């Protein structure tokens, strides 16, 4: 998944690349079996990840993705997250920011919703 806004998405298990820029883990849980050195994560804003409750809710029934997306957008709209979203936007305005995730299918996860919120530039 790529973007024109300075963000890109990669699996955290893939080896770091020189074009990654700032590597930001966007999962609530640390990836299994991966050392911090191998992950080469620069930032880990857990506040921008779906709540544990919402993550488990989707995991129980993956076909609820549309409703999950709506609920996650509502979580991202919380006023206390504006600063964290703005921080990543500022980073991406100066260099590439690679959003890292352990999910097997990033296109069907929380990542597209987060990326949309970051690219939009306004609260979801």
N, C-alpha and C. Protein backbone atom coordinates (compact mmCIF):
# COMPACT_ATOMS: atom_id res chain seq x y z
N UNK A 1 0.86 -1.17 0.00
CA UNK A 1 0.00 0.00 0.00
C UNK A 1 0.91 1.23 0.00
N UNK A 2 0.71 2.07 -0.96
CA UNK A 2 1.50 3.30 -1.03
C UNK A 2 0.58 4.50 -1.05
N UNK A 3 1.17 5.64 -0.85
CA UNK A 3 0.41 6.87 -0.73
C UNK A 3 1.19 7.99 -1.40
N UNK A 4 0.51 9.04 -1.76
CA UNK A 4 1.19 10.19 -2.36
C UNK A 4 1.47 11.26 -1.32
N UNK A 5 1.13 11.00 -0.07
CA UNK A 5 1.22 12.03 0.97
C UNK A 5 2.46 11.93 1.84
N UNK A 6 3.42 11.11 1.48
CA UNK A 6 4.59 10.97 2.33
C UNK A 6 4.52 9.74 3.22
N UNK A 7 3.40 9.02 3.17
CA UNK A 7 3.23 7.80 3.95
C UNK A 7 3.34 6.59 3.05
N UNK A 8 3.86 5.53 3.60
CA UNK A 8 3.81 4.23 2.94
C UNK A 8 3.53 3.19 3.99
N UNK A 9 3.11 2.02 3.59
CA UNK A 9 2.75 0.94 4.51
C UNK A 9 3.55 -0.29 4.16
N UNK A 10 4.10 -0.91 5.20
CA UNK A 10 4.86 -2.15 5.01
C UNK A 10 4.60 -3.07 6.20
N UNK A 11 4.86 -4.33 6.00
CA UNK A 11 4.79 -5.27 7.12
C UNK A 11 6.05 -5.11 7.95
N UNK A 12 5.90 -5.14 9.24
CA UNK A 12 7.03 -4.94 10.15
C UNK A 12 8.02 -6.10 10.05
N UNK A 13 7.57 -7.25 9.59
CA UNK A 13 8.45 -8.41 9.45
C UNK A 13 9.38 -8.31 8.24
N UNK A 14 9.07 -7.42 7.31
CA UNK A 14 9.95 -7.22 6.16
C UNK A 14 11.18 -6.45 6.61
N UNK A 15 12.35 -6.76 6.05
CA UNK A 15 13.56 -6.05 6.47
C UNK A 15 13.46 -4.55 6.17
N UNK A 16 14.02 -3.72 7.03
CA UNK A 16 14.02 -2.27 6.78
C UNK A 16 14.69 -1.95 5.45
N UNK A 17 14.20 -0.90 4.80
CA UNK A 17 14.78 -0.43 3.55
C UNK A 17 15.25 1.01 3.73
N UNK A 18 16.19 1.42 2.92
CA UNK A 18 16.73 2.78 3.03
C UNK A 18 15.66 3.84 2.79
N UNK A 19 14.65 3.54 2.01
CA UNK A 19 13.60 4.52 1.70
C UNK A 19 12.48 4.58 2.72
N UNK A 20 12.60 3.85 3.82
CA UNK A 20 11.54 3.82 4.81
C UNK A 20 11.38 5.14 5.56
N UNK A 21 12.42 5.91 5.67
CA UNK A 21 12.33 7.14 6.45
C UNK A 21 12.08 6.83 7.91
N UNK A 22 11.08 7.48 8.48
CA UNK A 22 10.71 7.24 9.88
C UNK A 22 9.80 6.01 9.91
N UNK A 23 10.20 5.03 10.69
CA UNK A 23 9.44 3.77 10.79
C UNK A 23 8.54 3.83 12.03
N UNK A 24 7.22 3.74 11.78
CA UNK A 24 6.25 3.91 12.85
C UNK A 24 5.38 2.66 12.96
N UNK A 25 5.47 1.99 14.09
CA UNK A 25 4.63 0.81 14.34
C UNK A 25 3.23 1.28 14.68
N UNK A 26 2.23 0.78 13.95
CA UNK A 26 0.85 1.21 14.16
C UNK A 26 -0.04 0.08 14.66
N UNK A 27 0.56 -0.88 15.35
CA UNK A 27 -0.19 -1.96 15.99
C UNK A 27 -0.16 -1.74 17.50
N UNK A 28 -1.20 -2.15 18.19
CA UNK A 28 -1.26 -1.99 19.64
C UNK A 28 -0.31 -2.96 20.34
N UNK A 29 -0.16 -4.15 19.78
CA UNK A 29 0.69 -5.18 20.40
C UNK A 29 2.00 -5.29 19.64
N UNK A 30 3.08 -5.60 20.38
CA UNK A 30 4.37 -5.80 19.72
C UNK A 30 4.30 -7.07 18.88
N UNK A 31 4.88 -7.07 17.68
CA UNK A 31 4.83 -8.24 16.79
C UNK A 31 5.55 -9.45 17.40
N UNK A 32 4.90 -10.57 17.33
CA UNK A 32 5.46 -11.81 17.87
C UNK A 32 6.76 -12.19 17.19
N UNK A 33 7.71 -12.61 18.02
CA UNK A 33 8.95 -13.17 17.52
C UNK A 33 9.89 -12.18 16.87
N UNK A 34 9.66 -10.90 17.04
CA UNK A 34 10.48 -9.89 16.38
C UNK A 34 11.18 -9.05 17.44
N UNK A 35 12.50 -8.99 17.33
CA UNK A 35 13.26 -8.18 18.28
C UNK A 35 13.13 -6.70 17.94
N UNK A 36 13.35 -5.87 18.91
CA UNK A 36 13.28 -4.43 18.67
C UNK A 36 14.36 -4.00 17.69
N UNK A 37 15.50 -4.64 17.72
CA UNK A 37 16.58 -4.31 16.78
C UNK A 37 16.17 -4.65 15.35
N UNK A 38 15.59 -5.83 15.15
CA UNK A 38 15.19 -6.25 13.81
C UNK A 38 14.05 -5.39 13.27
N UNK A 39 13.17 -4.96 14.14
CA UNK A 39 12.02 -4.16 13.71
C UNK A 39 12.44 -2.75 13.31
N UNK A 40 13.49 -2.23 13.94
CA UNK A 40 13.99 -0.88 13.65
C UNK A 40 12.87 0.15 13.68
N UNK A 41 12.06 0.11 14.72
CA UNK A 41 10.94 1.03 14.88
C UNK A 41 11.44 2.33 15.51
N UNK A 42 11.08 3.45 14.90
CA UNK A 42 11.46 4.76 15.44
C UNK A 42 10.42 5.29 16.42
N UNK A 43 9.14 5.02 16.12
CA UNK A 43 8.06 5.51 16.97
C UNK A 43 6.97 4.45 17.05
N UNK A 44 6.24 4.49 18.19
CA UNK A 44 5.16 3.53 18.40
C UNK A 44 4.00 4.24 19.10
N UNK A 45 3.19 4.97 18.35
CA UNK A 45 2.07 5.72 18.94
C UNK A 45 0.86 4.82 19.19
N UNK A 46 0.87 4.11 20.30
CA UNK A 46 -0.22 3.19 20.61
C UNK A 46 -1.57 3.89 20.66
N UNK A 47 -1.56 5.18 20.97
CA UNK A 47 -2.82 5.92 21.05
C UNK A 47 -3.57 5.95 19.72
N UNK A 48 -2.86 5.79 18.61
CA UNK A 48 -3.49 5.85 17.29
C UNK A 48 -3.96 4.49 16.78
N UNK A 49 -3.76 3.46 17.59
CA UNK A 49 -4.20 2.13 17.18
C UNK A 49 -5.62 1.89 17.69
N UNK A 50 -6.34 0.96 17.08
CA UNK A 50 -7.69 0.68 17.57
C UNK A 50 -7.62 0.20 19.03
N UNK A 51 -8.65 0.53 19.79
CA UNK A 51 -8.70 0.06 21.17
C UNK A 51 -8.67 -1.47 21.18
N UNK A 52 -8.22 -2.02 22.29
CA UNK A 52 -8.20 -3.48 22.41
C UNK A 52 -9.57 -4.09 22.21
N UNK A 53 -10.57 -3.44 22.75
CA UNK A 53 -11.95 -3.92 22.60
C UNK A 53 -12.37 -3.95 21.13
N UNK A 54 -12.07 -2.89 20.40
CA UNK A 54 -12.46 -2.82 18.99
C UNK A 54 -11.67 -3.82 18.16
N UNK A 55 -10.40 -3.97 18.45
CA UNK A 55 -9.55 -4.92 17.73
C UNK A 55 -10.09 -6.35 17.91
N UNK A 56 -10.44 -6.71 19.14
CA UNK A 56 -10.96 -8.05 19.42
C UNK A 56 -12.33 -8.25 18.77
N UNK A 57 -13.14 -7.17 18.74
CA UNK A 57 -14.45 -7.23 18.13
C UNK A 57 -14.35 -7.59 16.65
N UNK A 58 -13.41 -6.96 15.95
CA UNK A 58 -13.22 -7.26 14.52
C UNK A 58 -12.64 -8.66 14.34
N UNK A 59 -11.69 -9.03 15.18
CA UNK A 59 -11.04 -10.33 15.05
C UNK A 59 -12.06 -11.47 15.18
N UNK A 60 -13.08 -11.27 16.00
CA UNK A 60 -14.08 -12.30 16.21
C UNK A 60 -14.90 -12.55 14.94
N UNK A 61 -15.14 -11.50 14.16
CA UNK A 61 -15.91 -11.63 12.91
C UNK A 61 -15.37 -10.65 11.88
N UNK A 62 -14.39 -11.06 11.09
CA UNK A 62 -13.76 -10.15 10.12
C UNK A 62 -14.72 -9.52 9.10
N UNK A 63 -15.89 -10.12 8.88
CA UNK A 63 -16.82 -9.54 7.90
C UNK A 63 -17.52 -8.29 8.43
N UNK A 64 -17.21 -7.87 9.67
CA UNK A 64 -17.77 -6.63 10.22
C UNK A 64 -16.86 -5.44 9.92
N UNK A 65 -16.07 -5.53 8.88
CA UNK A 65 -15.06 -4.51 8.61
C UNK A 65 -15.63 -3.11 8.41
N UNK A 66 -16.74 -2.99 7.71
CA UNK A 66 -17.31 -1.66 7.47
C UNK A 66 -17.68 -0.98 8.78
N UNK A 67 -18.30 -1.74 9.68
CA UNK A 67 -18.67 -1.17 10.98
C UNK A 67 -17.41 -0.91 11.82
N UNK A 68 -16.43 -1.80 11.71
CA UNK A 68 -15.15 -1.57 12.40
C UNK A 68 -14.54 -0.25 11.94
N UNK A 69 -14.53 -0.01 10.64
CA UNK A 69 -13.96 1.23 10.09
C UNK A 69 -14.66 2.45 10.66
N UNK A 70 -15.98 2.40 10.72
CA UNK A 70 -16.75 3.51 11.28
C UNK A 70 -16.38 3.74 12.74
N UNK A 71 -16.30 2.67 13.51
CA UNK A 71 -15.98 2.80 14.94
C UNK A 71 -14.55 3.28 15.16
N UNK A 72 -13.64 2.81 14.33
CA UNK A 72 -12.25 3.23 14.47
C UNK A 72 -12.09 4.71 14.10
N UNK A 73 -12.79 5.16 13.06
CA UNK A 73 -12.78 6.59 12.72
C UNK A 73 -13.26 7.43 13.90
N UNK A 74 -14.29 6.93 14.59
CA UNK A 74 -14.80 7.64 15.76
C UNK A 74 -13.74 7.70 16.86
N UNK A 75 -12.99 6.62 17.05
CA UNK A 75 -11.91 6.64 18.04
C UNK A 75 -10.83 7.65 17.64
N UNK A 76 -10.49 7.69 16.35
CA UNK A 76 -9.46 8.62 15.88
C UNK A 76 -9.90 10.08 15.97
N UNK A 77 -11.20 10.30 16.04
CA UNK A 77 -11.72 11.66 16.12
C UNK A 77 -11.62 12.25 17.52
N UNK A 78 -11.19 11.46 18.49
CA UNK A 78 -11.08 11.96 19.86
C UNK A 78 -10.12 13.14 19.92
N UNK A 79 -10.50 14.21 20.59
CA UNK A 79 -9.66 15.42 20.64
C UNK A 79 -8.23 15.15 21.14
N UNK A 80 -8.08 14.21 22.05
CA UNK A 80 -6.74 13.94 22.59
C UNK A 80 -5.80 13.29 21.58
N UNK A 81 -6.32 12.86 20.43
CA UNK A 81 -5.46 12.24 19.41
C UNK A 81 -5.01 13.23 18.34
N UNK A 82 -5.57 14.41 18.32
CA UNK A 82 -5.22 15.39 17.28
C UNK A 82 -3.72 15.66 17.23
N UNK A 83 -3.10 15.78 18.38
CA UNK A 83 -1.66 16.06 18.42
C UNK A 83 -0.84 14.92 17.84
N UNK A 84 -1.24 13.68 18.15
CA UNK A 84 -0.51 12.52 17.62
C UNK A 84 -0.65 12.41 16.11
N UNK A 85 -1.86 12.66 15.60
CA UNK A 85 -2.07 12.65 14.15
C UNK A 85 -1.27 13.77 13.49
N UNK A 86 -1.31 14.95 14.08
CA UNK A 86 -0.58 16.09 13.53
C UNK A 86 0.92 15.84 13.52
N UNK A 87 1.41 15.17 14.55
CA UNK A 87 2.85 14.86 14.62
C UNK A 87 3.27 14.00 13.43
N UNK A 88 2.50 12.95 13.13
CA UNK A 88 2.84 12.09 12.00
C UNK A 88 2.71 12.84 10.67
N UNK A 89 1.73 13.71 10.56
CA UNK A 89 1.59 14.52 9.34
C UNK A 89 2.80 15.43 9.16
N UNK A 90 3.27 16.03 10.25
CA UNK A 90 4.45 16.91 10.16
C UNK A 90 5.68 16.10 9.72
N UNK A 91 5.84 14.92 10.30
CA UNK A 91 6.96 14.07 9.89
C UNK A 91 6.89 13.77 8.39
N UNK A 92 5.69 13.42 7.92
CA UNK A 92 5.51 13.04 6.52
C UNK A 92 5.66 14.22 5.58
N UNK A 93 5.49 15.43 6.08
CA UNK A 93 5.67 16.59 5.21
C UNK A 93 7.15 16.84 4.93
N UNK A 94 8.01 16.29 5.78
CA UNK A 94 9.45 16.50 5.62
C UNK A 94 10.17 15.29 5.05
N UNK A 95 9.62 14.11 5.25
CA UNK A 95 10.27 12.88 4.78
C UNK A 95 9.27 11.74 4.75
N UNK A 96 9.68 10.63 4.23
CA UNK A 96 8.80 9.46 4.18
C UNK A 96 8.55 8.93 5.57
N UNK A 97 7.31 8.55 5.82
CA UNK A 97 6.93 7.87 7.06
C UNK A 97 6.36 6.53 6.65
N UNK A 98 6.96 5.47 7.16
CA UNK A 98 6.50 4.13 6.85
C UNK A 98 5.70 3.61 8.04
N UNK A 99 4.42 3.34 7.79
CA UNK A 99 3.56 2.76 8.81
C UNK A 99 3.76 1.26 8.78
N UNK A 100 4.14 0.71 9.91
CA UNK A 100 4.45 -0.71 10.01
C UNK A 100 3.36 -1.47 10.74
N UNK A 101 3.03 -2.64 10.22
CA UNK A 101 2.02 -3.48 10.85
C UNK A 101 2.40 -4.95 10.72
N UNK A 102 1.94 -5.74 11.66
CA UNK A 102 2.20 -7.17 11.63
C UNK A 102 1.09 -7.94 10.93
N UNK A 103 -0.03 -7.29 10.64
CA UNK A 103 -1.15 -8.01 10.04
C UNK A 103 -0.76 -8.57 8.67
N UNK A 104 -1.34 -9.72 8.36
CA UNK A 104 -1.00 -10.38 7.10
C UNK A 104 -1.58 -9.65 5.89
N UNK A 105 -2.73 -9.03 6.07
CA UNK A 105 -3.38 -8.32 4.97
C UNK A 105 -3.63 -6.87 5.38
N UNK A 106 -2.64 -6.00 5.23
CA UNK A 106 -2.81 -4.61 5.65
C UNK A 106 -3.97 -3.89 4.99
N UNK A 107 -4.37 -4.32 3.77
CA UNK A 107 -5.48 -3.66 3.08
C UNK A 107 -6.82 -3.91 3.77
N UNK A 108 -6.89 -4.95 4.58
CA UNK A 108 -8.13 -5.29 5.29
C UNK A 108 -7.86 -5.27 6.79
N UNK A 109 -7.39 -4.13 7.25
CA UNK A 109 -7.04 -3.96 8.66
C UNK A 109 -7.36 -2.51 9.06
N UNK A 110 -6.87 -2.11 10.18
CA UNK A 110 -7.06 -0.73 10.64
C UNK A 110 -6.19 0.26 9.87
N UNK A 111 -5.16 -0.23 9.20
CA UNK A 111 -4.18 0.65 8.56
C UNK A 111 -4.79 1.56 7.49
N UNK A 112 -5.65 1.09 6.59
CA UNK A 112 -6.23 2.02 5.61
C UNK A 112 -7.05 3.13 6.25
N UNK A 113 -7.72 2.84 7.35
CA UNK A 113 -8.51 3.85 8.04
C UNK A 113 -7.57 4.90 8.64
N UNK A 114 -6.51 4.44 9.28
CA UNK A 114 -5.53 5.37 9.85
C UNK A 114 -4.88 6.20 8.75
N UNK A 115 -4.48 5.56 7.67
CA UNK A 115 -3.85 6.26 6.56
C UNK A 115 -4.78 7.32 5.98
N UNK A 116 -6.04 6.98 5.82
CA UNK A 116 -7.03 7.94 5.31
C UNK A 116 -7.13 9.15 6.25
N UNK A 117 -7.15 8.90 7.54
CA UNK A 117 -7.22 9.98 8.52
C UNK A 117 -5.98 10.86 8.46
N UNK A 118 -4.82 10.26 8.28
CA UNK A 118 -3.58 11.01 8.18
C UNK A 118 -3.54 11.84 6.91
N UNK A 119 -3.98 11.28 5.81
CA UNK A 119 -3.95 11.98 4.52
C UNK A 119 -4.99 13.07 4.44
N UNK A 120 -6.10 12.87 5.11
CA UNK A 120 -7.20 13.83 5.08
C UNK A 120 -6.79 15.16 5.72
N UNK A 121 -5.98 15.07 6.76
CA UNK A 121 -5.50 16.28 7.40
C UNK A 121 -6.48 16.91 8.38
N UNK A 122 -7.64 16.32 8.51
CA UNK A 122 -8.61 16.84 9.48
C UNK A 122 -9.11 15.67 10.32
N UNK A 123 -9.69 15.93 11.45
CA UNK A 123 -10.22 14.83 12.26
C UNK A 123 -11.21 14.03 11.45
N UNK A 124 -11.22 12.72 11.62
CA UNK A 124 -12.14 11.85 10.85
C UNK A 124 -13.59 12.16 11.12
